[in-house]
PDB file of N, CA and C in Angstrom:
ATOM      1  N   UNK A   1     -41.210  83.024 -42.141  1.00  0.00           N
ATOM      2  CA  UNK A   1     -42.577  83.404 -42.596  1.00  0.00           C
ATOM      3  C   UNK A   1     -43.150  82.395 -43.487  1.00  0.00           C
ATOM      4  N   UNK A   2     -44.463  82.080 -43.288  1.00  0.00           N
ATOM      5  CA  UNK A   2     -45.131  81.146 -44.185  1.00  0.00           C
ATOM      6  C   UNK A   2     -45.365  81.583 -45.544  1.00  0.00           C
ATOM      7  N   UNK A   3     -45.501  80.592 -46.447  1.00  0.00           N
ATOM      8  CA  UNK A   3     -45.714  81.040 -47.826  1.00  0.00           C
ATOM      9  C   UNK A   3     -47.105  81.454 -47.971  1.00  0.00           C
ATOM     10  N   UNK A   4     -47.403  82.568 -48.733  1.00  0.00           N
ATOM     11  CA  UNK A   4     -48.638  83.120 -48.990  1.00  0.00           C
ATOM     12  C   UNK A   4     -49.433  82.248 -50.009  1.00  0.00           C
ATOM     13  N   UNK A   5     -50.802  82.020 -49.805  1.00  0.00           N
ATOM     14  CA  UNK A   5     -51.460  81.382 -50.831  1.00  0.00           C
ATOM     15  C   UNK A   5     -51.904  82.393 -51.818  1.00  0.00           C
ATOM     16  N   UNK A   6     -52.566  81.975 -52.979  1.00  0.00           N
ATOM     17  CA  UNK A   6     -52.894  82.862 -54.098  1.00  0.00           C
ATOM     18  C   UNK A   6     -53.825  84.073 -53.562  1.00  0.00           C
ATOM     19  N   UNK A   7     -54.783  83.724 -52.693  1.00  0.00           N
ATOM     20  CA  UNK A   7     -55.687  84.865 -52.274  1.00  0.00           C
ATOM     21  C   UNK A   7     -54.795  85.906 -51.519  1.00  0.00           C
ATOM     22  N   UNK A   8     -54.027  85.414 -50.641  1.00  0.00           N
ATOM     23  CA  UNK A   8     -53.117  86.335 -49.965  1.00  0.00           C
ATOM     24  C   UNK A   8     -52.201  87.197 -50.804  1.00  0.00           C
ATOM     25  N   UNK A   9     -51.650  86.498 -51.874  1.00  0.00           N
ATOM     26  CA  UNK A   9     -50.750  87.166 -52.893  1.00  0.00           C
ATOM     27  C   UNK A   9     -51.566  88.237 -53.629  1.00  0.00           C
ATOM     28  N   UNK A  10     -52.858  87.996 -53.942  1.00  0.00           N
ATOM     29  CA  UNK A  10     -53.671  88.885 -54.663  1.00  0.00           C
ATOM     30  C   UNK A  10     -53.940  90.158 -53.813  1.00  0.00           C
ATOM     31  N   UNK A  11     -54.160  89.960 -52.454  1.00  0.00           N
ATOM     32  CA  UNK A  11     -54.397  91.081 -51.628  1.00  0.00           C
ATOM     33  C   UNK A  11     -53.154  91.881 -51.574  1.00  0.00           C
ATOM     34  N   UNK A  12     -52.013  91.226 -51.271  1.00  0.00           N
ATOM     35  CA  UNK A  12     -50.656  92.010 -51.098  1.00  0.00           C
ATOM     36  C   UNK A  12     -50.348  92.824 -52.406  1.00  0.00           C
ATOM     37  N   UNK A  13     -50.724  92.128 -53.536  1.00  0.00           N
ATOM     38  CA  UNK A  13     -50.460  92.932 -54.824  1.00  0.00           C
ATOM     39  C   UNK A  13     -51.304  94.106 -54.932  1.00  0.00           C
ATOM     40  N   UNK A  14     -52.634  93.868 -54.629  1.00  0.00           N
ATOM     41  CA  UNK A  14     -53.572  95.103 -54.689  1.00  0.00           C
ATOM     42  C   UNK A  14     -53.167  96.191 -53.612  1.00  0.00           C
ATOM     43  N   UNK A  15     -52.682  95.776 -52.517  1.00  0.00           N
ATOM     44  CA  UNK A  15     -52.190  96.744 -51.515  1.00  0.00           C
ATOM     45  C   UNK A  15     -50.936  97.501 -52.045  1.00  0.00           C
ATOM     46  N   UNK A  16     -50.067  96.827 -52.588  1.00  0.00           N
ATOM     47  CA  UNK A  16     -48.892  97.454 -53.149  1.00  0.00           C
ATOM     48  C   UNK A  16     -49.156  98.418 -54.238  1.00  0.00           C
ATOM     49  N   UNK A  17     -50.213  98.085 -55.116  1.00  0.00           N
ATOM     50  CA  UNK A  17     -50.613  98.962 -56.227  1.00  0.00           C
ATOM     51  C   UNK A  17     -51.519 100.168 -55.679  1.00  0.00           C
ATOM     52  N   UNK A  18     -51.846 100.099 -54.394  1.00  0.00           N
ATOM     53  CA  UNK A  18     -52.732 101.173 -53.852  1.00  0.00           C
ATOM     54  C   UNK A  18     -54.084 101.050 -54.219  1.00  0.00           C
ATOM     55  N   UNK A  19     -54.644  99.833 -54.564  1.00  0.00           N
ATOM     56  CA  UNK A  19     -55.976  99.699 -54.997  1.00  0.00           C
ATOM     57  C   UNK A  19     -56.973  99.404 -53.876  1.00  0.00           C
ATOM     58  N   UNK A  20     -56.426  99.177 -52.627  1.00  0.00           N
ATOM     59  CA  UNK A  20     -57.307  98.921 -51.588  1.00  0.00           C
ATOM     60  C   UNK A  20     -57.538 100.251 -50.870  1.00  0.00           C
ATOM     61  N   UNK A  21     -58.783 100.341 -50.321  1.00  0.00           N
ATOM     62  CA  UNK A  21     -59.170 101.595 -49.653  1.00  0.00           C
ATOM     63  C   UNK A  21     -59.572 101.231 -48.264  1.00  0.00           C
ATOM     64  N   UNK A  22     -59.139 102.090 -47.225  1.00  0.00           N
ATOM     65  CA  UNK A  22     -59.419 101.849 -45.902  1.00  0.00           C
ATOM     66  C   UNK A  22     -60.865 102.375 -45.554  1.00  0.00           C
ATOM     67  N   UNK A  23     -61.620 101.646 -44.963  1.00  0.00           N
ATOM     68  CA  UNK A  23     -62.928 102.137 -44.434  1.00  0.00           C
ATOM     69  C   UNK A  23     -62.961 102.290 -42.919  1.00  0.00           C
ATOM     70  N   UNK A  24     -63.663 103.129 -42.429  1.00  0.00           N
ATOM     71  CA  UNK A  24     -63.893 103.380 -41.014  1.00  0.00           C
ATOM     72  C   UNK A  24     -65.317 103.052 -40.529  1.00  0.00           C
ATOM     73  N   UNK A  25     -65.469 102.523 -39.423  1.00  0.00           N
ATOM     74  CA  UNK A  25     -66.872 102.316 -39.003  1.00  0.00           C
ATOM     75  C   UNK A  25     -67.518 103.517 -38.690  1.00  0.00           C
ATOM     76  N   UNK A  26     -68.829 103.630 -38.939  1.00  0.00           N
ATOM     77  CA  UNK A  26     -69.597 104.790 -38.581  1.00  0.00           C
ATOM     78  C   UNK A  26     -69.677 104.995 -37.189  1.00  0.00           C
ATOM     79  N   UNK A  27     -70.121 106.110 -36.709  1.00  0.00           N
ATOM     80  CA  UNK A  27     -70.112 106.522 -35.252  1.00  0.00           C
ATOM     81  C   UNK A  27     -71.040 105.490 -34.566  1.00  0.00           C
ATOM     82  N   UNK A  28     -72.205 105.215 -35.244  1.00  0.00           N
ATOM     83  CA  UNK A  28     -73.120 104.237 -34.588  1.00  0.00           C
ATOM     84  C   UNK A  28     -72.544 102.887 -34.477  1.00  0.00           C
ATOM     85  N   UNK A  29     -71.907 102.414 -35.437  1.00  0.00           N
ATOM     86  CA  UNK A  29     -71.279 101.175 -35.426  1.00  0.00           C
ATOM     87  C   UNK A  29     -70.115 101.160 -34.307  1.00  0.00           C
ATOM     88  N   UNK A  30     -69.368 102.205 -34.306  1.00  0.00           N
ATOM     89  CA  UNK A  30     -68.268 102.316 -33.285  1.00  0.00           C
ATOM     90  C   UNK A  30     -68.933 102.244 -31.843  1.00  0.00           C
ATOM     91  N   UNK A  31     -70.017 102.951 -31.649  1.00  0.00           N
ATOM     92  CA  UNK A  31     -70.620 102.899 -30.347  1.00  0.00           C
ATOM     93  C   UNK A  31     -71.158 101.576 -29.984  1.00  0.00           C
ATOM     94  N   UNK A  32     -71.629 100.794 -31.060  1.00  0.00           N
ATOM     95  CA  UNK A  32     -72.194  99.504 -30.759  1.00  0.00           C
ATOM     96  C   UNK A  32     -70.994  98.546 -30.458  1.00  0.00           C
ATOM     97  N   UNK A  33     -69.847  98.595 -31.156  1.00  0.00           N
ATOM     98  CA  UNK A  33     -68.692  97.727 -30.812  1.00  0.00           C
ATOM     99  C   UNK A  33     -68.176  98.083 -29.427  1.00  0.00           C
ATOM    100  N   UNK A  34     -68.156  99.364 -29.112  1.00  0.00           N
ATOM    101  CA  UNK A  34     -67.638  99.753 -27.762  1.00  0.00           C
ATOM    102  C   UNK A  34     -68.461  99.184 -26.651  1.00  0.00           C
ATOM    103  N   UNK A  35     -69.789  99.335 -26.804  1.00  0.00           N
ATOM    104  CA  UNK A  35     -70.691  98.784 -25.824  1.00  0.00           C
ATOM    105  C   UNK A  35     -70.543  97.330 -25.675  1.00  0.00           C
ATOM    106  N   UNK A  36     -70.473  96.602 -26.752  1.00  0.00           N
ATOM    107  CA  UNK A  36     -70.251  95.113 -26.716  1.00  0.00           C
ATOM    108  C   UNK A  36     -68.976  94.794 -26.136  1.00  0.00           C
ATOM    109  N   UNK A  37     -67.879  95.454 -26.323  1.00  0.00           N
ATOM    110  CA  UNK A  37     -66.666  95.201 -25.741  1.00  0.00           C
ATOM    111  C   UNK A  37     -66.645  95.442 -24.239  1.00  0.00           C
ATOM    112  N   UNK A  38     -67.330  96.499 -23.798  1.00  0.00           N
ATOM    113  CA  UNK A  38     -67.414  96.918 -22.541  1.00  0.00           C
ATOM    114  C   UNK A  38     -68.267  95.861 -21.654  1.00  0.00           C
ATOM    115  N   UNK A  39     -69.296  95.404 -22.259  1.00  0.00           N
ATOM    116  CA  UNK A  39     -70.198  94.384 -21.692  1.00  0.00           C
ATOM    117  C   UNK A  39     -69.474  93.073 -21.487  1.00  0.00           C
ATOM    118  N   UNK A  40     -68.619  92.748 -22.549  1.00  0.00           N
ATOM    119  CA  UNK A  40     -67.953  91.475 -22.481  1.00  0.00           C
ATOM    120  C   UNK A  40     -66.908  91.452 -21.402  1.00  0.00           C
ATOM    121  N   UNK A  41     -66.204  92.471 -21.128  1.00  0.00           N
ATOM    122  CA  UNK A  41     -65.081  92.418 -20.252  1.00  0.00           C
ATOM    123  C   UNK A  41     -65.308  93.008 -18.805  1.00  0.00           C
ATOM    124  N   UNK A  42     -66.533  93.357 -18.527  1.00  0.00           N
ATOM    125  CA  UNK A  42     -66.884  93.708 -17.135  1.00  0.00           C
ATOM    126  C   UNK A  42     -66.915  92.556 -16.234  1.00  0.00           C
ATOM    127  N   UNK A  43     -66.077  92.576 -15.242  1.00  0.00           N
ATOM    128  CA  UNK A  43     -66.017  91.407 -14.255  1.00  0.00           C
ATOM    129  C   UNK A  43     -66.383  91.893 -12.888  1.00  0.00           C
ATOM    130  N   UNK A  44     -67.673  91.944 -12.589  1.00  0.00           N
ATOM    131  CA  UNK A  44     -68.029  92.612 -11.364  1.00  0.00           C
ATOM    132  C   UNK A  44     -68.544  91.562 -10.383  1.00  0.00           C
ATOM    133  N   UNK A  45     -68.469  90.311 -10.684  1.00  0.00           N
ATOM    134  CA  UNK A  45     -68.945  89.301  -9.673  1.00  0.00           C
ATOM    135  C   UNK A  45     -67.866  88.128  -9.586  1.00  0.00           C
ATOM    136  N   UNK A  46     -67.637  87.592  -8.433  1.00  0.00           N
ATOM    137  CA  UNK A  46     -66.710  86.636  -8.217  1.00  0.00           C
ATOM    138  C   UNK A  46     -67.493  85.233  -7.851  1.00  0.00           C
ATOM    139  N   UNK A  47     -67.046  84.085  -8.397  1.00  0.00           N
ATOM    140  CA  UNK A  47     -67.547  82.857  -8.043  1.00  0.00           C
ATOM    141  C   UNK A  47     -66.435  81.908  -7.610  1.00  0.00           C
ATOM    142  N   UNK A  48     -66.738  80.850  -6.857  1.00  0.00           N
ATOM    143  CA  UNK A  48     -65.907  79.808  -6.468  1.00  0.00           C
ATOM    144  C   UNK A  48     -66.396  78.575  -7.137  1.00  0.00           C
ATOM    145  N   UNK A  49     -65.579  77.719  -7.800  1.00  0.00           N
ATOM    146  CA  UNK A  49     -65.997  76.521  -8.387  1.00  0.00           C
ATOM    147  C   UNK A  49     -64.973  75.390  -7.998  1.00  0.00           C
ATOM    148  N   UNK A  50     -65.469  74.207  -7.875  1.00  0.00           N
ATOM    149  CA  UNK A  50     -64.563  73.073  -7.599  1.00  0.00           C
ATOM    150  C   UNK A  50     -64.549  72.360  -8.834  1.00  0.00           C
ATOM    151  N   UNK A  51     -63.254  71.907  -9.334  1.00  0.00           N
ATOM    152  CA  UNK A  51     -63.006  71.113 -10.420  1.00  0.00           C
ATOM    153  C   UNK A  51     -62.168  69.908 -10.060  1.00  0.00           C
ATOM    154  N   UNK A  52     -62.297  68.971 -10.850  1.00  0.00           N
ATOM    155  CA  UNK A  52     -61.333  67.720 -10.708  1.00  0.00           C
ATOM    156  C   UNK A  52     -59.960  68.158 -11.168  1.00  0.00           C
ATOM    157  N   UNK A  53     -58.889  67.543 -10.425  1.00  0.00           N
ATOM    158  CA  UNK A  53     -57.496  67.946 -10.835  1.00  0.00           C
ATOM    159  C   UNK A  53     -57.292  67.714 -12.366  1.00  0.00           C
ATOM    160  N   UNK A  54     -57.731  66.484 -12.880  1.00  0.00           N
ATOM    161  CA  UNK A  54     -57.477  66.322 -14.277  1.00  0.00           C
ATOM    162  C   UNK A  54     -58.238  67.354 -15.241  1.00  0.00           C
ATOM    163  N   UNK A  55     -59.492  67.825 -14.922  1.00  0.00           N
ATOM    164  CA  UNK A  55     -60.131  68.775 -15.549  1.00  0.00           C
ATOM    165  C   UNK A  55     -59.330  70.144 -15.677  1.00  0.00           C
ATOM    166  N   UNK A  56     -58.906  70.494 -14.379  1.00  0.00           N
ATOM    167  CA  UNK A  56     -58.173  71.747 -14.296  1.00  0.00           C
ATOM    168  C   UNK A  56     -56.855  71.710 -15.060  1.00  0.00           C
ATOM    169  N   UNK A  57     -56.163  70.502 -15.065  1.00  0.00           N
ATOM    170  CA  UNK A  57     -54.950  70.409 -15.818  1.00  0.00           C
ATOM    171  C   UNK A  57     -55.229  70.623 -17.306  1.00  0.00           C
ATOM    172  N   UNK A  58     -56.381  69.938 -17.748  1.00  0.00           N
ATOM    173  CA  UNK A  58     -56.748  70.050 -19.189  1.00  0.00           C
ATOM    174  C   UNK A  58     -57.075  71.473 -19.571  1.00  0.00           C
ATOM    175  N   UNK A  59     -57.742  72.194 -18.629  1.00  0.00           N
ATOM    176  CA  UNK A  59     -58.172  73.611 -18.956  1.00  0.00           C
ATOM    177  C   UNK A  59     -56.824  74.450 -18.955  1.00  0.00           C
ATOM    178  N   UNK A  60     -56.006  74.230 -18.024  1.00  0.00           N
ATOM    179  CA  UNK A  60     -54.682  74.912 -18.031  1.00  0.00           C
ATOM    180  C   UNK A  60     -53.893  74.680 -19.312  1.00  0.00           C
ATOM    181  N   UNK A  61     -53.864  73.447 -19.716  1.00  0.00           N
ATOM    182  CA  UNK A  61     -53.222  73.192 -20.999  1.00  0.00           C
ATOM    183  C   UNK A  61     -53.835  73.914 -22.268  1.00  0.00           C
ATOM    184  N   UNK A  62     -55.211  73.885 -22.251  1.00  0.00           N
ATOM    185  CA  UNK A  62     -55.878  74.582 -23.329  1.00  0.00           C
ATOM    186  C   UNK A  62     -55.639  76.035 -23.332  1.00  0.00           C
ATOM    187  N   UNK A  63     -55.662  76.675 -22.084  1.00  0.00           N
ATOM    188  CA  UNK A  63     -55.356  78.023 -21.972  1.00  0.00           C
ATOM    189  C   UNK A  63     -53.893  78.364 -22.523  1.00  0.00           C
ATOM    190  N   UNK A  64     -52.995  77.583 -22.149  1.00  0.00           N
ATOM    191  CA  UNK A  64     -51.592  77.641 -22.611  1.00  0.00           C
ATOM    192  C   UNK A  64     -51.435  77.577 -24.132  1.00  0.00           C
ATOM    193  N   UNK A  65     -52.367  76.733 -24.706  1.00  0.00           N
ATOM    194  CA  UNK A  65     -52.435  76.746 -26.225  1.00  0.00           C
ATOM    195  C   UNK A  65     -52.874  78.032 -26.823  1.00  0.00           C
ATOM    196  N   UNK A  66     -53.871  78.709 -26.071  1.00  0.00           N
ATOM    197  CA  UNK A  66     -54.400  79.884 -26.524  1.00  0.00           C
ATOM    198  C   UNK A  66     -53.583  81.160 -26.179  1.00  0.00           C
ATOM    199  N   UNK A  67     -52.571  80.767 -25.268  1.00  0.00           N
ATOM    200  CA  UNK A  67     -51.726  81.997 -24.867  1.00  0.00           C
ATOM    201  C   UNK A  67     -52.334  82.933 -23.868  1.00  0.00           C
ATOM    202  N   UNK A  68     -53.312  82.371 -23.062  1.00  0.00           N
ATOM    203  CA  UNK A  68     -53.861  83.274 -22.024  1.00  0.00           C
ATOM    204  C   UNK A  68     -53.987  82.493 -20.731  1.00  0.00           C
ATOM    205  N   UNK A  69     -54.087  83.360 -19.630  1.00  0.00           N
ATOM    206  CA  UNK A  69     -54.211  82.663 -18.352  1.00  0.00           C
ATOM    207  C   UNK A  69     -55.470  81.797 -18.116  1.00  0.00           C
ATOM    208  N   UNK A  70     -55.323  80.751 -17.422  1.00  0.00           N
ATOM    209  CA  UNK A  70     -56.407  79.831 -17.385  1.00  0.00           C
ATOM    210  C   UNK A  70     -57.726  80.387 -16.868  1.00  0.00           C
ATOM    211  N   UNK A  71     -57.648  81.313 -15.892  1.00  0.00           N
ATOM    212  CA  UNK A  71     -58.896  81.923 -15.391  1.00  0.00           C
ATOM    213  C   UNK A  71     -59.541  82.820 -16.445  1.00  0.00           C
ATOM    214  N   UNK A  72     -58.795  83.432 -17.305  1.00  0.00           N
ATOM    215  CA  UNK A  72     -59.300  84.287 -18.368  1.00  0.00           C
ATOM    216  C   UNK A  72     -60.009  83.239 -19.362  1.00  0.00           C
ATOM    217  N   UNK A  73     -59.344  82.141 -19.627  1.00  0.00           N
ATOM    218  CA  UNK A  73     -59.847  81.127 -20.617  1.00  0.00           C
ATOM    219  C   UNK A  73     -61.103  80.603 -20.130  1.00  0.00           C
ATOM    220  N   UNK A  74     -61.330  80.265 -18.714  1.00  0.00           N
ATOM    221  CA  UNK A  74     -62.587  79.769 -18.244  1.00  0.00           C
ATOM    222  C   UNK A  74     -63.612  80.859 -18.497  1.00  0.00           C
ATOM    223  N   UNK A  75     -63.364  82.102 -18.076  1.00  0.00           N
ATOM    224  CA  UNK A  75     -64.278  83.162 -18.192  1.00  0.00           C
ATOM    225  C   UNK A  75     -64.783  83.327 -19.732  1.00  0.00           C
ATOM    226  N   UNK A  76     -63.868  83.295 -20.491  1.00  0.00           N
ATOM    227  CA  UNK A  76     -64.089  83.364 -21.950  1.00  0.00           C
ATOM    228  C   UNK A  76     -65.149  82.245 -22.490  1.00  0.00           C
ATOM    229  N   UNK A  77     -64.709  80.955 -22.108  1.00  0.00           N
ATOM    230  CA  UNK A  77     -65.628  79.903 -22.513  1.00  0.00           C
ATOM    231  C   UNK A  77     -67.022  80.026 -21.831  1.00  0.00           C
ATOM    232  N   UNK A  78     -67.164  80.408 -20.589  1.00  0.00           N
ATOM    233  CA  UNK A  78     -68.449  80.666 -19.950  1.00  0.00           C
ATOM    234  C   UNK A  78     -69.156  81.722 -20.694  1.00  0.00           C
ATOM    235  N   UNK A  79     -68.503  82.798 -21.119  1.00  0.00           N
ATOM    236  CA  UNK A  79     -69.168  83.939 -21.760  1.00  0.00           C
ATOM    237  C   UNK A  79     -69.664  83.499 -23.182  1.00  0.00           C
ATOM    238  N   UNK A  80     -68.867  82.735 -23.881  1.00  0.00           N
ATOM    239  CA  UNK A  80     -69.259  82.212 -25.170  1.00  0.00           C
ATOM    240  C   UNK A  80     -70.463  81.324 -25.065  1.00  0.00           C
ATOM    241  N   UNK A  81     -70.536  80.416 -23.968  1.00  0.00           N
ATOM    242  CA  UNK A  81     -71.498  79.456 -23.829  1.00  0.00           C
ATOM    243  C   UNK A  81     -72.831  80.172 -23.500  1.00  0.00           C
ATOM    244  N   UNK A  82     -72.809  81.211 -22.520  1.00  0.00           N
ATOM    245  CA  UNK A  82     -73.914  81.911 -22.102  1.00  0.00           C
ATOM    246  C   UNK A  82     -74.498  82.777 -23.238  1.00  0.00           C
ATOM    247  N   UNK A  83     -73.629  83.237 -24.207  1.00  0.00           N
ATOM    248  CA  UNK A  83     -74.150  84.080 -25.333  1.00  0.00           C
ATOM    249  C   UNK A  83     -74.486  83.211 -26.454  1.00  0.00           C
ATOM    250  N   UNK A  84     -74.375  81.936 -26.420  1.00  0.00           N
ATOM    251  CA  UNK A  84     -74.799  81.009 -27.576  1.00  0.00           C
ATOM    252  C   UNK A  84     -73.724  81.098 -28.691  1.00  0.00           C
ATOM    253  N   UNK A  85     -72.537  81.445 -28.365  1.00  0.00           N
ATOM    254  CA  UNK A  85     -71.469  81.590 -29.375  1.00  0.00           C
ATOM    255  C   UNK A  85     -70.344  80.490 -29.269  1.00  0.00           C
ATOM    256  N   UNK A  86     -70.596  79.559 -28.342  1.00  0.00           N
ATOM    257  CA  UNK A  86     -69.561  78.624 -28.096  1.00  0.00           C
ATOM    258  C   UNK A  86     -69.442  77.572 -29.302  1.00  0.00           C
ATOM    259  N   UNK A  87     -68.232  77.640 -30.005  1.00  0.00           N
ATOM    260  CA  UNK A  87     -67.968  76.663 -31.068  1.00  0.00           C
ATOM    261  C   UNK A  87     -66.793  75.934 -30.653  1.00  0.00           C
ATOM    262  N   UNK A  88     -66.916  74.619 -30.473  1.00  0.00           N
ATOM    263  CA  UNK A  88     -65.835  73.881 -29.994  1.00  0.00           C
ATOM    264  C   UNK A  88     -64.830  73.612 -31.114  1.00  0.00           C
ATOM    265  N   UNK A  89     -63.502  73.896 -30.760  1.00  0.00           N
ATOM    266  CA  UNK A  89     -62.424  73.696 -31.582  1.00  0.00           C
ATOM    267  C   UNK A  89     -61.564  72.499 -31.089  1.00  0.00           C
ATOM    268  N   UNK A  90     -61.408  71.521 -31.968  1.00  0.00           N
ATOM    269  CA  UNK A  90     -60.610  70.276 -31.379  1.00  0.00           C
ATOM    270  C   UNK A  90     -59.304  70.689 -30.950  1.00  0.00           C
ATOM    271  N   UNK A  91     -58.794  70.242 -29.863  1.00  0.00           N
ATOM    272  CA  UNK A  91     -57.440  70.439 -29.296  1.00  0.00           C
ATOM    273  C   UNK A  91     -56.484  69.574 -29.927  1.00  0.00           C
ATOM    274  N   UNK A  92     -55.205  69.965 -29.975  1.00  0.00           N
ATOM    275  CA  UNK A  92     -54.269  68.978 -30.353  1.00  0.00           C
ATOM    276  C   UNK A  92     -53.807  68.100 -29.211  1.00  0.00           C
ATOM    277  N   UNK A  93     -54.346  68.447 -28.002  1.00  0.00           N
ATOM    278  CA  UNK A  93     -53.973  67.579 -26.754  1.00  0.00           C
ATOM    279  C   UNK A  93     -54.966  66.606 -26.604  1.00  0.00           C
ATOM    280  N   UNK A  94     -54.695  65.539 -25.951  1.00  0.00           N
ATOM    281  CA  UNK A  94     -55.560  64.471 -25.570  1.00  0.00           C
ATOM    282  C   UNK A  94     -56.056  64.626 -24.205  1.00  0.00           C
ATOM    283  N   UNK A  95     -57.245  64.934 -23.813  1.00  0.00           N
ATOM    284  CA  UNK A  95     -57.606  65.208 -22.525  1.00  0.00           C
ATOM    285  C   UNK A  95     -57.379  63.827 -21.654  1.00  0.00           C
ATOM    286  N   UNK A  96     -56.836  64.009 -20.439  1.00  0.00           N
ATOM    287  CA  UNK A  96     -56.787  62.897 -19.559  1.00  0.00           C
ATOM    288  C   UNK A  96     -58.039  62.308 -19.091  1.00  0.00           C
ATOM    289  N   UNK A  97     -59.033  63.180 -18.754  1.00  0.00           N
ATOM    290  CA  UNK A  97     -60.328  62.796 -18.349  1.00  0.00           C
ATOM    291  C   UNK A  97     -61.037  61.917 -19.295  1.00  0.00           C
ATOM    292  N   UNK A  98     -60.934  62.177 -20.642  1.00  0.00           N
ATOM    293  CA  UNK A  98     -61.669  61.404 -21.742  1.00  0.00           C
ATOM    294  C   UNK A  98     -60.960  60.083 -21.792  1.00  0.00           C
ATOM    295  N   UNK A  99     -59.734  60.062 -21.742  1.00  0.00           N
ATOM    296  CA  UNK A  99     -58.916  58.771 -21.788  1.00  0.00           C
ATOM    297  C   UNK A  99     -59.332  57.759 -20.719  1.00  0.00           C
ATOM    298  N   UNK A 100     -59.517  58.197 -19.517  1.00  0.00           N
ATOM    299  CA  UNK A 100     -59.843  57.320 -18.456  1.00  0.00           C
ATOM    300  C   UNK A 100     -61.304  56.817 -18.566  1.00  0.00           C
ATOM    301  N   UNK A 101     -62.190  57.625 -19.083  1.00  0.00           N
ATOM    302  CA  UNK A 101     -63.594  57.247 -19.183  1.00  0.00           C
ATOM    303  C   UNK A 101     -63.653  56.150 -20.405  1.00  0.00           C
ATOM    304  N   UNK A 102     -62.895  56.370 -21.433  1.00  0.00           N
ATOM    305  CA  UNK A 102     -62.831  55.355 -22.481  1.00  0.00           C
ATOM    306  C   UNK A 102     -62.200  54.075 -22.058  1.00  0.00           C
ATOM    307  N   UNK A 103     -61.266  54.106 -21.249  1.00  0.00           N
ATOM    308  CA  UNK A 103     -60.568  52.868 -20.673  1.00  0.00           C
ATOM    309  C   UNK A 103     -61.702  52.078 -19.732  1.00  0.00           C
ATOM    310  N   UNK A 104     -62.475  52.878 -19.082  1.00  0.00           N
ATOM    311  CA  UNK A 104     -63.452  52.151 -18.170  1.00  0.00           C
ATOM    312  C   UNK A 104     -64.481  51.563 -19.043  1.00  0.00           C
ATOM    313  N   UNK A 105     -64.906  52.181 -20.022  1.00  0.00           N
ATOM    314  CA  UNK A 105     -65.933  51.633 -20.978  1.00  0.00           C
ATOM    315  C   UNK A 105     -65.450  50.312 -21.572  1.00  0.00           C
ATOM    316  N   UNK A 106     -64.203  50.356 -22.108  1.00  0.00           N
ATOM    317  CA  UNK A 106     -63.683  49.324 -22.754  1.00  0.00           C
ATOM    318  C   UNK A 106     -63.354  48.087 -21.830  1.00  0.00           C
ATOM    319  N   UNK A 107     -62.965  48.427 -20.612  1.00  0.00           N
ATOM    320  CA  UNK A 107     -62.480  47.325 -19.677  1.00  0.00           C
ATOM    321  C   UNK A 107     -63.634  46.799 -18.876  1.00  0.00           C
TER     322      UNK A 107
END
């Protein structure tokens, strides 16, 4: 188990003392959350898409990093992009497609 930082130590201490109170969302908030979750996960259309082999391999590797199937990863990325919430997180992997493009520019 990783070492807790000071903020986490304070939360744990307050929890142990019984100083934290649980709050529940209102019925209106709960209905809003449920509607958002339902809309997010409805998959009622099928598409076919062609990708280059290196791009698909990079996508599969990123999905593996996230611990989800690559098709779910693709759907998630597209949903975030379509809803304006896509925030790129740097990968620990070096994409093959980027490496080749940089070699072409340099050579």
